[in-house]
């Protein structure tokens, strides 16, 4: 699977658009709107495939980081737990503090 992800990330843009065009035709998705204008589905499919490959590589890197335990520290960084998107987890008090800071910054700017 990692070979597939690497190949997708190394692919030329035009090849990915060709793949997107094939998926649109093969699945019978409409390729034009009611006015006869081309729809961007091939580009969207190609972009989604690129994002999938990049997200999967990031998730693998996060799993590898978890497998190599870092030296213990104190505070919120002591736990190296990640959610399904690969973002570091945090405890409720820390999350509430960060949310309050974001809210304060938003009010200052708005």
PDB file of N, CA and C in Angstrom:
ATOM      1  N   UNK A   1       0.820  -1.185   0.000  1.00  0.00           N
ATOM      2  CA  UNK A   1       0.000   0.000   0.000  1.00  0.00           C
ATOM      3  C   UNK A   1       0.866   1.251   0.000  1.00  0.00           C
ATOM      4  N   UNK A   2       1.999   1.209   0.685  1.00  0.00           N
ATOM      5  CA  UNK A   2       2.854   2.396   0.710  1.00  0.00           C
ATOM      6  C   UNK A   2       3.421   2.689  -0.674  1.00  0.00           C
ATOM      7  N   UNK A   3       3.628   1.643  -1.499  1.00  0.00           N
ATOM      8  CA  UNK A   3       4.083   1.877  -2.867  1.00  0.00           C
ATOM      9  C   UNK A   3       3.030   2.630  -3.669  1.00  0.00           C
ATOM     10  N   UNK A   4       1.771   2.281  -3.453  1.00  0.00           N
ATOM     11  CA  UNK A   4       0.685   2.970  -4.143  1.00  0.00           C
ATOM     12  C   UNK A   4       0.638   4.431  -3.740  1.00  0.00           C
ATOM     13  N   UNK A   5       0.749   4.692  -2.441  1.00  0.00           N
ATOM     14  CA  UNK A   5       0.713   6.070  -1.951  1.00  0.00           C
ATOM     15  C   UNK A   5       1.879   6.872  -2.515  1.00  0.00           C
ATOM     16  N   UNK A   6       3.060   6.280  -2.528  1.00  0.00           N
ATOM     17  CA  UNK A   6       4.232   6.974  -3.069  1.00  0.00           C
ATOM     18  C   UNK A   6       4.061   7.244  -4.555  1.00  0.00           C
ATOM     19  N   UNK A   7       3.519   6.277  -5.284  1.00  0.00           N
ATOM     20  CA  UNK A   7       3.311   6.462  -6.718  1.00  0.00           C
ATOM     21  C   UNK A   7       2.310   7.582  -6.972  1.00  0.00           C
ATOM     22  N   UNK A   8       1.263   7.651  -6.156  1.00  0.00           N
ATOM     23  CA  UNK A   8       0.266   8.714  -6.328  1.00  0.00           C
ATOM     24  C   UNK A   8       0.901  10.071  -6.075  1.00  0.00           C
ATOM     25  N   UNK A   9       1.687  10.175  -5.005  1.00  0.00           N
ATOM     26  CA  UNK A   9       2.304  11.462  -4.686  1.00  0.00           C
ATOM     27  C   UNK A   9       3.354  11.862  -5.709  1.00  0.00           C
ATOM     28  N   UNK A  10       3.966  10.882  -6.382  1.00  0.00           N
ATOM     29  CA  UNK A  10       4.976  11.164  -7.402  1.00  0.00           C
ATOM     30  C   UNK A  10       4.380  11.334  -8.799  1.00  0.00           C
ATOM     31  N   UNK A  11       3.088  11.042  -8.952  1.00  0.00           N
ATOM     32  CA  UNK A  11       2.454  11.086 -10.271  1.00  0.00           C
ATOM     33  C   UNK A  11       2.401  12.506 -10.815  1.00  0.00           C
ATOM     34  N   UNK A  12       2.388  12.583 -12.126  1.00  0.00           N
ATOM     35  CA  UNK A  12       2.233  13.875 -12.785  1.00  0.00           C
ATOM     36  C   UNK A  12       0.776  14.303 -12.694  1.00  0.00           C
ATOM     37  N   UNK A  13       0.556  15.591 -12.618  1.00  0.00           N
ATOM     38  CA  UNK A  13      -0.794  16.152 -12.497  1.00  0.00           C
ATOM     39  C   UNK A  13      -1.688  15.670 -13.633  1.00  0.00           C
ATOM     40  N   UNK A  14      -1.179  15.692 -14.852  1.00  0.00           N
ATOM     41  CA  UNK A  14      -1.988  15.292 -16.010  1.00  0.00           C
ATOM     42  C   UNK A  14      -2.406  13.831 -15.907  1.00  0.00           C
ATOM     43  N   UNK A  15      -1.539  12.986 -15.352  1.00  0.00           N
ATOM     44  CA  UNK A  15      -1.899  11.580 -15.169  1.00  0.00           C
ATOM     45  C   UNK A  15      -3.029  11.431 -14.161  1.00  0.00           C
ATOM     46  N   UNK A  16      -2.991  12.233 -13.118  1.00  0.00           N
ATOM     47  CA  UNK A  16      -4.041  12.165 -12.106  1.00  0.00           C
ATOM     48  C   UNK A  16      -5.368  12.685 -12.672  1.00  0.00           C
ATOM     49  N   UNK A  17      -5.317  13.701 -13.519  1.00  0.00           N
ATOM     50  CA  UNK A  17      -6.540  14.203 -14.153  1.00  0.00           C
ATOM     51  C   UNK A  17      -7.099  13.132 -15.085  1.00  0.00           C
ATOM     52  N   UNK A  18      -6.211  12.438 -15.826  1.00  0.00           N
ATOM     53  CA  UNK A  18      -6.665  11.334 -16.672  1.00  0.00           C
ATOM     54  C   UNK A  18      -7.341  10.254 -15.834  1.00  0.00           C
ATOM     55  N   UNK A  19      -6.778   9.947 -14.673  1.00  0.00           N
ATOM     56  CA  UNK A  19      -7.390   8.974 -13.774  1.00  0.00           C
ATOM     57  C   UNK A  19      -8.765   9.466 -13.321  1.00  0.00           C
ATOM     58  N   UNK A  20      -8.844  10.746 -12.956  1.00  0.00           N
ATOM     59  CA  UNK A  20     -10.129  11.322 -12.560  1.00  0.00           C
ATOM     60  C   UNK A  20     -11.149  11.250 -13.684  1.00  0.00           C
ATOM     61  N   UNK A  21     -10.725  11.552 -14.922  1.00  0.00           N
ATOM     62  CA  UNK A  21     -11.628  11.444 -16.074  1.00  0.00           C
ATOM     63  C   UNK A  21     -12.131  10.019 -16.238  1.00  0.00           C
ATOM     64  N   UNK A  22     -11.229   9.052 -16.082  1.00  0.00           N
ATOM     65  CA  UNK A  22     -11.612   7.649 -16.203  1.00  0.00           C
ATOM     66  C   UNK A  22     -12.648   7.276 -15.149  1.00  0.00           C
ATOM     67  N   UNK A  23     -12.424   7.708 -13.902  1.00  0.00           N
ATOM     68  CA  UNK A  23     -13.364   7.395 -12.823  1.00  0.00           C
ATOM     69  C   UNK A  23     -14.733   7.998 -13.125  1.00  0.00           C
ATOM     70  N   UNK A  24     -14.766   9.237 -13.615  1.00  0.00           N
ATOM     71  CA  UNK A  24     -16.030   9.888 -13.957  1.00  0.00           C
ATOM     72  C   UNK A  24     -16.759   9.083 -15.032  1.00  0.00           C
ATOM     73  N   UNK A  25     -16.049   8.715 -16.094  1.00  0.00           N
ATOM     74  CA  UNK A  25     -16.680   7.953 -17.181  1.00  0.00           C
ATOM     75  C   UNK A  25     -17.098   6.567 -16.715  1.00  0.00           C
ATOM     76  N   UNK A  26     -16.213   5.889 -15.970  1.00  0.00           N
ATOM     77  CA  UNK A  26     -16.462   4.514 -15.565  1.00  0.00           C
ATOM     78  C   UNK A  26     -17.640   4.391 -14.601  1.00  0.00           C
ATOM     79  N   UNK A  27     -17.806   5.393 -13.744  1.00  0.00           N
ATOM     80  CA  UNK A  27     -18.885   5.335 -12.767  1.00  0.00           C
ATOM     81  C   UNK A  27     -20.171   5.976 -13.278  1.00  0.00           C
ATOM     82  N   UNK A  28     -20.116   6.572 -14.453  1.00  0.00           N
ATOM     83  CA  UNK A  28     -21.311   7.166 -15.029  1.00  0.00           C
ATOM     84  C   UNK A  28     -21.701   8.497 -14.415  1.00  0.00           C
ATOM     85  N   UNK A  29     -20.753   9.156 -13.742  1.00  0.00           N
ATOM     86  CA  UNK A  29     -21.043  10.478 -13.189  1.00  0.00           C
ATOM     87  C   UNK A  29     -21.244  11.464 -14.330  1.00  0.00           C
ATOM     88  N   UNK A  30     -22.100  12.456 -14.155  1.00  0.00           N
ATOM     89  CA  UNK A  30     -22.288  13.448 -15.229  1.00  0.00           C
ATOM     90  C   UNK A  30     -21.005  14.263 -15.410  1.00  0.00           C
ATOM     91  N   UNK A  31     -20.628  14.494 -16.669  1.00  0.00           N
ATOM     92  CA  UNK A  31     -19.417  15.272 -16.913  1.00  0.00           C
ATOM     93  C   UNK A  31     -19.717  16.692 -17.374  1.00  0.00           C
ATOM     94  N   UNK A  32     -20.993  16.977 -17.650  1.00  0.00           N
ATOM     95  CA  UNK A  32     -21.394  18.340 -18.000  1.00  0.00           C
ATOM     96  C   UNK A  32     -22.645  18.711 -17.210  1.00  0.00           C
ATOM     97  N   UNK A  33     -22.813  20.012 -16.951  1.00  0.00           N
ATOM     98  CA  UNK A  33     -24.020  20.468 -16.241  1.00  0.00           C
ATOM     99  C   UNK A  33     -25.155  20.689 -17.236  1.00  0.00           C
ATOM    100  N   UNK A  34     -26.262  21.193 -16.763  1.00  0.00           N
ATOM    101  CA  UNK A  34     -27.445  21.364 -17.615  1.00  0.00           C
ATOM    102  C   UNK A  34     -27.236  22.377 -18.742  1.00  0.00           C
ATOM    103  N   UNK A  35     -26.238  23.269 -18.577  1.00  0.00           N
ATOM    104  CA  UNK A  35     -25.932  24.247 -19.626  1.00  0.00           C
ATOM    105  C   UNK A  35     -24.865  23.762 -20.594  1.00  0.00           C
ATOM    106  N   UNK A  36     -24.366  22.546 -20.407  1.00  0.00           N
ATOM    107  CA  UNK A  36     -23.337  22.001 -21.284  1.00  0.00           C
ATOM    108  C   UNK A  36     -21.919  22.342 -20.875  1.00  0.00           C
ATOM    109  N   UNK A  37     -21.743  22.952 -19.701  1.00  0.00           N
ATOM    110  CA  UNK A  37     -20.410  23.295 -19.213  1.00  0.00           C
ATOM    111  C   UNK A  37     -19.775  22.076 -18.548  1.00  0.00           C
ATOM    112  N   UNK A  38     -18.481  21.899 -18.775  1.00  0.00           N
ATOM    113  CA  UNK A  38     -17.782  20.784 -18.141  1.00  0.00           C
ATOM    114  C   UNK A  38     -17.799  20.945 -16.627  1.00  0.00           C
ATOM    115  N   UNK A  39     -17.990  19.847 -15.932  1.00  0.00           N
ATOM    116  CA  UNK A  39     -17.995  19.868 -14.469  1.00  0.00           C
ATOM    117  C   UNK A  39     -16.598  19.483 -13.970  1.00  0.00           C
ATOM    118  N   UNK A  40     -16.203  19.954 -12.788  1.00  0.00           N
ATOM    119  CA  UNK A  40     -14.829  19.755 -12.300  1.00  0.00           C
ATOM    120  C   UNK A  40     -14.604  18.429 -11.575  1.00  0.00           C
ATOM    121  N   UNK A  41     -15.436  17.417 -11.825  1.00  0.00           N
ATOM    122  CA  UNK A  41     -15.316  16.191 -11.059  1.00  0.00           C
ATOM    123  C   UNK A  41     -13.965  15.497 -11.216  1.00  0.00           C
ATOM    124  N   UNK A  42     -13.398  15.481 -12.408  1.00  0.00           N
ATOM    125  CA  UNK A  42     -12.116  14.808 -12.605  1.00  0.00           C
ATOM    126  C   UNK A  42     -11.033  15.458 -11.745  1.00  0.00           C
ATOM    127  N   UNK A  43     -11.026  16.782 -11.704  1.00  0.00           N
ATOM    128  CA  UNK A  43     -10.054  17.500 -10.885  1.00  0.00           C
ATOM    129  C   UNK A  43     -10.294  17.236  -9.404  1.00  0.00           C
ATOM    130  N   UNK A  44     -11.559  17.220  -8.999  1.00  0.00           N
ATOM    131  CA  UNK A  44     -11.883  16.964  -7.595  1.00  0.00           C
ATOM    132  C   UNK A  44     -11.481  15.549  -7.185  1.00  0.00           C
ATOM    133  N   UNK A  45     -11.709  14.593  -8.067  1.00  0.00           N
ATOM    134  CA  UNK A  45     -11.323  13.213  -7.770  1.00  0.00           C
ATOM    135  C   UNK A  45      -9.806  13.101  -7.659  1.00  0.00           C
ATOM    136  N   UNK A  46      -9.087  13.718  -8.585  1.00  0.00           N
ATOM    137  CA  UNK A  46      -7.626  13.686  -8.535  1.00  0.00           C
ATOM    138  C   UNK A  46      -7.112  14.322  -7.243  1.00  0.00           C
ATOM    139  N   UNK A  47      -7.688  15.455  -6.868  1.00  0.00           N
ATOM    140  CA  UNK A  47      -7.270  16.127  -5.632  1.00  0.00           C
ATOM    141  C   UNK A  47      -7.575  15.262  -4.418  1.00  0.00           C
ATOM    142  N   UNK A  48      -8.730  14.598  -4.421  1.00  0.00           N
ATOM    143  CA  UNK A  48      -9.084  13.724  -3.293  1.00  0.00           C
ATOM    144  C   UNK A  48      -8.104  12.559  -3.181  1.00  0.00           C
ATOM    145  N   UNK A  49      -7.679  12.013  -4.309  1.00  0.00           N
ATOM    146  CA  UNK A  49      -6.719  10.905  -4.284  1.00  0.00           C
ATOM    147  C   UNK A  49      -5.380  11.384  -3.739  1.00  0.00           C
ATOM    148  N   UNK A  50      -4.933  12.566  -4.172  1.00  0.00           N
ATOM    149  CA  UNK A  50      -3.695  13.135  -3.637  1.00  0.00           C
ATOM    150  C   UNK A  50      -3.796  13.338  -2.129  1.00  0.00           C
ATOM    151  N   UNK A  51      -4.927  13.911  -1.670  1.00  0.00           N
ATOM    152  CA  UNK A  51      -5.102  14.133  -0.229  1.00  0.00           C
ATOM    153  C   UNK A  51      -5.100  12.816   0.534  1.00  0.00           C
ATOM    154  N   UNK A  52      -5.747  11.795  -0.032  1.00  0.00           N
ATOM    155  CA  UNK A  52      -5.771  10.488   0.619  1.00  0.00           C
ATOM    156  C   UNK A  52      -4.351   9.968   0.806  1.00  0.00           C
ATOM    157  N   UNK A  53      -3.554  10.028  -0.256  1.00  0.00           N
ATOM    158  CA  UNK A  53      -2.184   9.523  -0.175  1.00  0.00           C
ATOM    159  C   UNK A  53      -1.370  10.319   0.833  1.00  0.00           C
ATOM    160  N   UNK A  54      -1.514  11.628   0.835  1.00  0.00           N
ATOM    161  CA  UNK A  54      -0.761  12.469   1.773  1.00  0.00           C
ATOM    162  C   UNK A  54      -1.214  12.229   3.204  1.00  0.00           C
ATOM    163  N   UNK A  55      -2.521  12.123   3.428  1.00  0.00           N
ATOM    164  CA  UNK A  55      -3.038  11.858   4.767  1.00  0.00           C
ATOM    165  C   UNK A  55      -2.578  10.504   5.277  1.00  0.00           C
ATOM    166  N   UNK A  56      -2.559   9.524   4.401  1.00  0.00           N
ATOM    167  CA  UNK A  56      -2.127   8.186   4.813  1.00  0.00           C
ATOM    168  C   UNK A  56      -0.649   8.194   5.192  1.00  0.00           C
ATOM    169  N   UNK A  57       0.177   8.940   4.453  1.00  0.00           N
ATOM    170  CA  UNK A  57       1.591   9.018   4.812  1.00  0.00           C
ATOM    171  C   UNK A  57       1.761   9.727   6.146  1.00  0.00           C
ATOM    172  N   UNK A  58       0.992  10.768   6.391  1.00  0.00           N
ATOM    173  CA  UNK A  58       1.074  11.479   7.665  1.00  0.00           C
ATOM    174  C   UNK A  58       0.638  10.571   8.805  1.00  0.00           C
ATOM    175  N   UNK A  59      -0.404   9.776   8.575  1.00  0.00           N
ATOM    176  CA  UNK A  59      -0.878   8.854   9.609  1.00  0.00           C
ATOM    177  C   UNK A  59       0.176   7.790   9.910  1.00  0.00           C
ATOM    178  N   UNK A  60       0.847   7.294   8.872  1.00  0.00           N
ATOM    179  CA  UNK A  60       1.915   6.311   9.085  1.00  0.00           C
ATOM    180  C   UNK A  60       3.061   6.931   9.876  1.00  0.00           C
ATOM    181  N   UNK A  61       3.402   8.175   9.561  1.00  0.00           N
ATOM    182  CA  UNK A  61       4.475   8.859  10.287  1.00  0.00           C
ATOM    183  C   UNK A  61       4.094   9.040  11.752  1.00  0.00           C
ATOM    184  N   UNK A  62       2.829   9.365  12.010  1.00  0.00           N
ATOM    185  CA  UNK A  62       2.362   9.538  13.387  1.00  0.00           C
ATOM    186  C   UNK A  62       2.417   8.218  14.133  1.00  0.00           C
ATOM    187  N   UNK A  63       2.019   7.129  13.467  1.00  0.00           N
ATOM    188  CA  UNK A  63       2.093   5.808  14.107  1.00  0.00           C
ATOM    189  C   UNK A  63       3.538   5.433  14.397  1.00  0.00           C
ATOM    190  N   UNK A  64       4.434   5.742  13.478  1.00  0.00           N
ATOM    191  CA  UNK A  64       5.851   5.433  13.694  1.00  0.00           C
ATOM    192  C   UNK A  64       6.400   6.246  14.858  1.00  0.00           C
ATOM    193  N   UNK A  65       5.961   7.499  14.977  1.00  0.00           N
ATOM    194  CA  UNK A  65       6.398   8.350  16.082  1.00  0.00           C
ATOM    195  C   UNK A  65       5.896   7.789  17.408  1.00  0.00           C
ATOM    196  N   UNK A  66       4.673   7.279  17.403  1.00  0.00           N
ATOM    197  CA  UNK A  66       4.121   6.685  18.615  1.00  0.00           C
ATOM    198  C   UNK A  66       4.875   5.414  18.985  1.00  0.00           C
ATOM    199  N   UNK A  67       5.330   4.670  18.003  1.00  0.00           N
ATOM    200  CA  UNK A  67       6.045   3.424  18.269  1.00  0.00           C
ATOM    201  C   UNK A  67       7.410   3.689  18.900  1.00  0.00           C
ATOM    202  N   UNK A  68       8.019   4.837  18.594  1.00  0.00           N
ATOM    203  CA  UNK A  68       9.293   5.229  19.181  1.00  0.00           C
ATOM    204  C   UNK A  68       9.005   6.200  20.316  1.00  0.00           C
ATOM    205  N   UNK A  69       8.839   5.706  21.536  1.00  0.00           N
ATOM    206  CA  UNK A  69       8.467   6.617  22.619  1.00  0.00           C
ATOM    207  C   UNK A  69       9.543   7.661  22.878  1.00  0.00           C
ATOM    208  N   UNK A  70       9.076   8.896  23.025  1.00  0.00           N
ATOM    209  CA  UNK A  70       9.971  10.012  23.328  1.00  0.00           C
ATOM    210  C   UNK A  70      10.234  10.026  24.830  1.00  0.00           C
ATOM    211  N   UNK A  71      11.280  10.696  25.263  1.00  0.00           N
ATOM    212  CA  UNK A  71      11.521  10.798  26.701  1.00  0.00           C
ATOM    213  C   UNK A  71      10.339  11.463  27.381  1.00  0.00           C
ATOM    214  N   UNK A  72      10.039  11.011  28.588  1.00  0.00           N
ATOM    215  CA  UNK A  72       8.901  11.542  29.320  1.00  0.00           C
ATOM    216  C   UNK A  72       9.128  13.007  29.692  1.00  0.00           C
ATOM    217  N   UNK A  73       8.089  13.800  29.519  1.00  0.00           N
ATOM    218  CA  UNK A  73       8.109  15.200  29.935  1.00  0.00           C
ATOM    219  C   UNK A  73       6.893  15.416  30.811  1.00  0.00           C
ATOM    220  N   UNK A  74       6.747  16.597  31.304  1.00  0.00           N
ATOM    221  CA  UNK A  74       5.571  16.878  32.120  1.00  0.00           C
ATOM    222  C   UNK A  74       4.622  17.760  31.337  1.00  0.00           C
ATOM    223  N   UNK A  75       3.387  17.833  31.774  1.00  0.00           N
ATOM    224  CA  UNK A  75       2.414  18.692  31.125  1.00  0.00           C
ATOM    225  C   UNK A  75       1.705  17.981  30.002  1.00  0.00           C
ATOM    226  N   UNK A  76       0.979  18.754  29.151  1.00  0.00           N
ATOM    227  CA  UNK A  76       0.168  18.154  28.101  1.00  0.00           C
ATOM    228  C   UNK A  76       0.972  17.401  27.060  1.00  0.00           C
ATOM    229  N   UNK A  77       2.242  17.759  26.878  1.00  0.00           N
ATOM    230  CA  UNK A  77       3.064  17.074  25.885  1.00  0.00           C
ATOM    231  C   UNK A  77       3.518  15.698  26.351  1.00  0.00           C
ATOM    232  N   UNK A  78       3.251  15.360  27.603  1.00  0.00           N
ATOM    233  CA  UNK A  78       3.684  14.066  28.126  1.00  0.00           C
ATOM    234  C   UNK A  78       2.968  12.922  27.430  1.00  0.00           C
ATOM    235  N   UNK A  79       1.718  13.104  27.044  1.00  0.00           N
ATOM    236  CA  UNK A  79       0.997  12.046  26.348  1.00  0.00           C
ATOM    237  C   UNK A  79       1.071  12.305  24.858  1.00  0.00           C
ATOM    238  N   UNK A  80       1.511  11.335  24.118  1.00  0.00           N
ATOM    239  CA  UNK A  80       1.636  11.447  22.669  1.00  0.00           C
ATOM    240  C   UNK A  80       0.510  10.661  22.005  1.00  0.00           C
ATOM    241  N   UNK A  81      -0.729  10.976  22.360  1.00  0.00           N
ATOM    242  CA  UNK A  81      -1.870  10.334  21.756  1.00  0.00           C
ATOM    243  C   UNK A  81      -2.346  11.174  20.590  1.00  0.00           C
ATOM    244  N   UNK A  82      -2.739  10.512  19.518  1.00  0.00           N
ATOM    245  CA  UNK A  82      -3.181  11.202  18.317  1.00  0.00           C
ATOM    246  C   UNK A  82      -4.575  10.738  17.947  1.00  0.00           C
ATOM    247  N   UNK A  83      -5.362  11.655  17.390  1.00  0.00           N
ATOM    248  CA  UNK A  83      -6.690  11.269  16.927  1.00  0.00           C
ATOM    249  C   UNK A  83      -6.586  10.676  15.530  1.00  0.00           C
ATOM    250  N   UNK A  84      -7.743  10.373  14.923  1.00  0.00           N
ATOM    251  CA  UNK A  84      -7.734   9.712  13.618  1.00  0.00           C
ATOM    252  C   UNK A  84      -7.168  10.574  12.507  1.00  0.00           C
ATOM    253  N   UNK A  85      -7.075  11.904  12.706  1.00  0.00           N
ATOM    254  CA  UNK A  85      -6.465  12.786  11.709  1.00  0.00           C
ATOM    255  C   UNK A  85      -4.969  12.977  11.952  1.00  0.00           C
ATOM    256  N   UNK A  86      -4.429  12.356  13.004  1.00  0.00           N
ATOM    257  CA  UNK A  86      -3.015  12.495  13.299  1.00  0.00           C
ATOM    258  C   UNK A  86      -2.689  13.712  14.137  1.00  0.00           C
ATOM    259  N   UNK A  87      -3.714  14.408  14.647  1.00  0.00           N
ATOM    260  CA  UNK A  87      -3.484  15.573  15.498  1.00  0.00           C
ATOM    261  C   UNK A  87      -3.231  15.116  16.926  1.00  0.00           C
ATOM    262  N   UNK A  88      -2.332  15.801  17.639  1.00  0.00           N
ATOM    263  CA  UNK A  88      -2.086  15.395  19.025  1.00  0.00           C
ATOM    264  C   UNK A  88      -3.317  15.611  19.884  1.00  0.00           C
ATOM    265  N   UNK A  89      -3.583  14.650  20.744  1.00  0.00           N
ATOM    266  CA  UNK A  89      -4.718  14.762  21.645  1.00  0.00           C
ATOM    267  C   UNK A  89      -4.374  15.682  22.807  1.00  0.00           C
ATOM    268  N   UNK A  90      -5.378  16.139  23.517  1.00  0.00           N
ATOM    269  CA  UNK A  90      -5.164  17.007  24.667  1.00  0.00           C
ATOM    270  C   UNK A  90      -6.246  16.719  25.693  1.00  0.00           C
ATOM    271  N   UNK A  91      -5.982  17.114  26.928  1.00  0.00           N
ATOM    272  CA  UNK A  91      -6.985  16.892  27.972  1.00  0.00           C
ATOM    273  C   UNK A  91      -7.998  18.039  27.965  1.00  0.00           C
ATOM    274  N   UNK A  92      -9.102  17.847  28.653  1.00  0.00           N
ATOM    275  CA  UNK A  92     -10.195  18.827  28.630  1.00  0.00           C
ATOM    276  C   UNK A  92      -9.784  20.201  29.157  1.00  0.00           C
ATOM    277  N   UNK A  93      -9.062  20.310  30.286  1.00  0.00           N
ATOM    278  CA  UNK A  93      -8.683  21.650  30.754  1.00  0.00           C
ATOM    279  C   UNK A  93      -7.798  22.404  29.757  1.00  0.00           C
ATOM    280  N   UNK A  94      -6.860  21.699  29.144  1.00  0.00           N
ATOM    281  CA  UNK A  94      -5.988  22.343  28.162  1.00  0.00           C
ATOM    282  C   UNK A  94      -6.791  22.770  26.943  1.00  0.00           C
ATOM    283  N   UNK A  95      -7.706  21.906  26.498  1.00  0.00           N
ATOM    284  CA  UNK A  95      -8.537  22.245  25.346  1.00  0.00           C
ATOM    285  C   UNK A  95      -9.406  23.458  25.648  1.00  0.00           C
ATOM    286  N   UNK A  96      -9.963  23.518  26.850  1.00  0.00           N
ATOM    287  CA  UNK A  96     -10.797  24.668  27.231  1.00  0.00           C
ATOM    288  C   UNK A  96      -9.973  25.948  27.259  1.00  0.00           C
ATOM    289  N   UNK A  97      -8.754  25.863  27.756  1.00  0.00           N
ATOM    290  CA  UNK A  97      -7.874  27.033  27.805  1.00  0.00           C
ATOM    291  C   UNK A  97      -7.550  27.521  26.394  1.00  0.00           C
ATOM    292  N   UNK A  98      -7.226  26.586  25.493  1.00  0.00           N
ATOM    293  CA  UNK A  98      -6.917  26.964  24.116  1.00  0.00           C
ATOM    294  C   UNK A  98      -8.142  27.561  23.427  1.00  0.00           C
ATOM    295  N   UNK A  99      -9.312  26.996  23.682  1.00  0.00           N
ATOM    296  CA  UNK A  99     -10.549  27.523  23.107  1.00  0.00           C
ATOM    297  C   UNK A  99     -10.809  28.943  23.587  1.00  0.00           C
ATOM    298  N   UNK A 100     -10.576  29.195  24.869  1.00  0.00           N
ATOM    299  CA  UNK A 100     -10.776  30.538  25.418  1.00  0.00           C
ATOM    300  C   UNK A 100      -9.809  31.528  24.788  1.00  0.00           C
ATOM    301  N   UNK A 101      -8.559  31.110  24.584  1.00  0.00           N
ATOM    302  CA  UNK A 101      -7.581  31.986  23.946  1.00  0.00           C
ATOM    303  C   UNK A 101      -7.990  32.308  22.512  1.00  0.00           C
ATOM    304  N   UNK A 102      -8.470  31.297  21.775  1.00  0.00           N
ATOM    305  CA  UNK A 102      -8.919  31.525  20.402  1.00  0.00           C
ATOM    306  C   UNK A 102     -10.108  32.478  20.367  1.00  0.00           C
ATOM    307  N   UNK A 103     -11.042  32.289  21.303  1.00  0.00           N
ATOM    308  CA  UNK A 103     -12.214  33.157  21.367  1.00  0.00           C
ATOM    309  C   UNK A 103     -11.803  34.603  21.662  1.00  0.00           C
ATOM    310  N   UNK A 104     -10.845  34.764  22.576  1.00  0.00           N
ATOM    311  CA  UNK A 104     -10.357  36.095  22.928  1.00  0.00           C
ATOM    312  C   UNK A 104      -9.697  36.760  21.723  1.00  0.00           C
ATOM    313  N   UNK A 105      -8.857  36.002  20.990  1.00  0.00           N
ATOM    314  CA  UNK A 105      -8.200  36.551  19.813  1.00  0.00           C
ATOM    315  C   UNK A 105      -9.214  36.935  18.738  1.00  0.00           C
ATOM    316  N   UNK A 106     -10.233  36.110  18.574  1.00  0.00           N
ATOM    317  CA  UNK A 106     -11.256  36.393  17.564  1.00  0.00           C
ATOM    318  C   UNK A 106     -12.011  37.676  17.905  1.00  0.00           C
ATOM    319  N   UNK A 107     -12.298  37.885  19.192  1.00  0.00           N
ATOM    320  CA  UNK A 107     -13.002  39.099  19.588  1.00  0.00           C
ATOM    321  C   UNK A 107     -12.127  40.330  19.428  1.00  0.00           C
ATOM    322  N   UNK A 108     -10.827  40.176  19.678  1.00  0.00           N
ATOM    323  CA  UNK A 108      -9.921  41.308  19.515  1.00  0.00           C
ATOM    324  C   UNK A 108      -9.819  41.716  18.049  1.00  0.00           C
ATOM    325  N   UNK A 109      -9.843  40.747  17.154  1.00  0.00           N
ATOM    326  CA  UNK A 109      -9.728  41.041  15.731  1.00  0.00           C
ATOM    327  C   UNK A 109     -11.042  41.476  15.118  1.00  0.00           C
ATOM    328  N   UNK A 110     -12.141  41.036  15.713  1.00  0.00           N
ATOM    329  CA  UNK A 110     -13.458  41.325  15.112  1.00  0.00           C
ATOM    330  C   UNK A 110     -14.101  42.462  15.747  1.00  0.00           C
TER     331      UNK A 110
END
